[in-house]
Each structure stands twice: as C-alpha cells, then as structure tokens.
Amino acid sequence: MHIKLLHNVFLGYAFLACSAPIVLAEEPVSSDAQGRELYLSYQCWQCHGYEGQGGAAARIASTAYPFDAFARFVRHPDLMPAYPPHLLSDDKLRLIFKYVRSIPVPPLLEDIPELKDD
C-alpha cells in the first residue's frame, strides 16, 4: 500500500511538472531597440526614412538637438502631424529620441572607397 501511495504521488508531481508552463528567460530589450520599434510603429519612417536619413521630410538621424527641442518639434510641428502626449507619451518619445541619437552619422561620399574614381 505504501509503495502504491508513493507511486501515485510521484505520478502526480510528474503530471504537474509536465503541464506547468515553461518560462524561458528573455533577453532584455535595449532602449534603442524599443525606440526603433516605436519609430516604426508611429510611422516616423514614412517621411524620415527607416534610418532617419530623411526623404519626404528632414534628416533626423544623429540629431544634435537636445530632447526638449526634439519634443517641441514633435509636439508642435509646422509641417508634420503633431503627436501630443495623449498620443505619444514622453517616455515613448524619449525612447524614439534615444534611438534617433544612436544612429551613426553616415560617411561622407568622398570617404566611401566604392565611389572613388581610381
């Protein structure tokens, strides 16, 4: 009887162990990656390009503006849609700003070997 009880307890624990959800450790998402996701989801890329290089609108990559000036442009623009705080929180805007600041400045055309006439 004692062995049967132990066997049932073991089977019960085995069942619980197999039916429990497996939680895998996730890699923490960097603030730059979060900012890029927000940049894409808020459609900034449509005018400013995927890398903030400009196109239909100004180049914003590697901006030298401080956050307050960047936020003013986003909140009260002349030509683009405004993103007030109830549509884009300051925290999310700050992540977008950090992402835009993290994009490296591209090389000058004369510094690209493939474009040189040799």
Protein backbone atom coordinates (compact mmCIF):
# COMPACT_ATOMS: atom_id res chain seq x y z
CA MET A 1 0.00 0.00 0.00
CA HIS A 2 2.81 2.39 0.92
CA ILE A 3 4.54 1.83 -2.45
CA LYS A 4 1.30 2.47 -4.33
CA LEU A 5 0.83 5.77 -2.47
CA LEU A 6 4.39 6.86 -3.32
CA HIS A 7 3.83 5.83 -6.91
CA ASN A 8 0.65 7.96 -7.13
CA VAL A 9 2.38 10.93 -5.51
CA PHE A 10 5.26 10.62 -7.97
CA LEU A 11 2.85 10.44 -10.92
CA GLY A 12 1.02 13.49 -9.60
CA TYR A 13 4.24 15.52 -9.38
CA ALA A 14 5.32 14.29 -12.80
CA PHE A 15 1.98 15.37 -14.27
CA LEU A 16 2.26 18.81 -12.67
CA ALA A 17 5.82 19.24 -13.88
CA CYS A 18 4.86 18.33 -17.44
CA SER A 19 1.76 20.51 -17.51
CA ALA A 20 3.35 23.60 -15.97
CA PRO A 21 4.14 26.35 -18.48
CA ILE A 22 7.76 26.64 -19.37
CA VAL A 23 9.06 30.14 -18.86
CA LEU A 24 12.18 30.93 -20.82
CA ALA A 25 14.37 33.80 -19.82
CA GLU A 26 14.01 36.59 -22.33
CA GLU A 27 16.84 38.79 -23.40
CA PRO A 28 16.26 42.31 -22.11
CA VAL A 29 15.26 44.63 -24.94
CA SER A 30 17.59 47.60 -25.24
CA SER A 31 16.15 51.09 -25.15
CA ASP A 32 17.49 51.63 -28.70
CA ALA A 33 15.55 48.59 -29.91
CA GLN A 34 12.43 49.81 -28.12
CA GLY A 35 12.90 53.24 -29.67
CA ARG A 36 13.27 51.74 -33.13
CA GLU A 37 10.06 49.75 -32.67
CA LEU A 38 8.25 52.91 -31.62
CA TYR A 39 9.80 54.86 -34.51
CA LEU A 40 8.41 52.25 -36.89
CA SER A 41 5.02 51.82 -35.21
CA TYR A 42 4.35 55.57 -35.09
CA GLN A 43 5.15 55.71 -38.83
CA CYS A 44 8.09 58.14 -38.49
CA TRP A 45 9.89 56.18 -41.21
CA GLN A 46 7.36 57.18 -43.87
CA CYS A 47 8.77 60.70 -44.06
CA HIS A 48 12.10 60.49 -42.25
CA GLY A 49 13.28 57.16 -43.73
CA TYR A 50 13.98 53.88 -41.97
CA GLU A 51 17.26 55.18 -40.60
CA GLY A 52 16.18 58.77 -40.03
CA GLN A 53 18.10 59.76 -43.17
CA GLY A 54 15.32 61.97 -44.49
CA GLY A 55 13.38 61.78 -47.69
CA ALA A 56 9.99 63.47 -47.77
CA ALA A 57 11.00 65.21 -44.53
CA ALA A 58 14.15 66.36 -42.78
CA ARG A 59 17.02 64.11 -41.76
CA ILE A 60 16.64 63.44 -38.03
CA ALA A 61 19.27 60.73 -37.51
CA SER A 62 22.07 61.58 -35.15
CA THR A 63 20.23 64.73 -34.17
CA ALA A 64 22.24 67.25 -32.23
CA TYR A 65 19.09 68.74 -30.76
CA PRO A 66 18.54 68.26 -27.03
CA PHE A 67 15.42 66.30 -26.06
CA ASP A 68 13.41 69.43 -25.21
CA ALA A 69 13.87 70.86 -28.72
CA PHE A 70 13.14 67.48 -30.32
CA ALA A 71 9.96 67.17 -28.23
CA ARG A 72 8.88 70.69 -29.25
CA PHE A 73 9.23 69.75 -32.93
CA VAL A 74 7.20 66.58 -32.40
CA ARG A 75 4.53 68.19 -30.23
CA HIS A 76 4.14 71.47 -32.19
CA PRO A 77 5.39 70.95 -35.76
CA ASP A 78 4.85 73.16 -38.76
CA LEU A 79 4.58 70.53 -41.49
CA MET A 80 4.14 67.08 -39.93
CA PRO A 81 1.28 65.71 -37.85
CA ALA A 82 1.52 66.67 -34.19
CA TYR A 83 1.98 63.95 -31.59
CA PRO A 84 0.55 65.33 -28.33
CA PRO A 85 1.30 63.50 -25.05
CA HIS A 86 -2.02 61.63 -25.08
CA LEU A 87 -0.99 60.03 -28.41
CA LEU A 88 2.73 59.63 -27.70
CA SER A 89 3.86 59.68 -24.09
CA ASP A 90 7.02 61.49 -23.03
CA ASP A 91 8.56 58.13 -22.10
CA LYS A 92 7.94 56.74 -25.59
CA LEU A 93 9.12 59.97 -27.22
CA ARG A 94 12.30 59.79 -25.15
CA LEU A 95 12.92 56.23 -26.42
CA ILE A 96 12.44 57.39 -30.02
CA PHE A 97 14.81 60.28 -29.36
CA LYS A 98 17.45 57.92 -27.91
CA TYR A 99 17.11 55.68 -30.96
CA VAL A 100 17.46 58.58 -33.39
CA ARG A 101 20.53 59.82 -31.48
CA SER A 102 22.08 56.34 -31.62
CA ILE A 103 22.08 56.14 -35.42
CA PRO A 104 25.64 56.73 -36.61
CA VAL A 105 26.42 59.60 -38.93
CA PRO A 106 26.99 58.20 -42.42
CA PRO A 107 30.39 58.65 -44.05
CA LEU A 108 30.97 61.45 -46.50
CA LEU A 109 30.65 60.40 -50.13
CA GLU A 110 34.34 61.02 -50.75
CA ASP A 111 35.17 58.64 -47.89
CA ILE A 112 33.38 55.65 -49.49
CA PRO A 113 36.02 53.67 -51.42
CA GLU A 114 33.49 52.14 -53.84
CA LEU A 115 32.50 55.60 -55.03
CA LYS A 116 36.04 56.86 -55.75
CA ASP A 117 37.31 57.19 -59.30
CA ASP A 118 40.66 55.45 -59.24
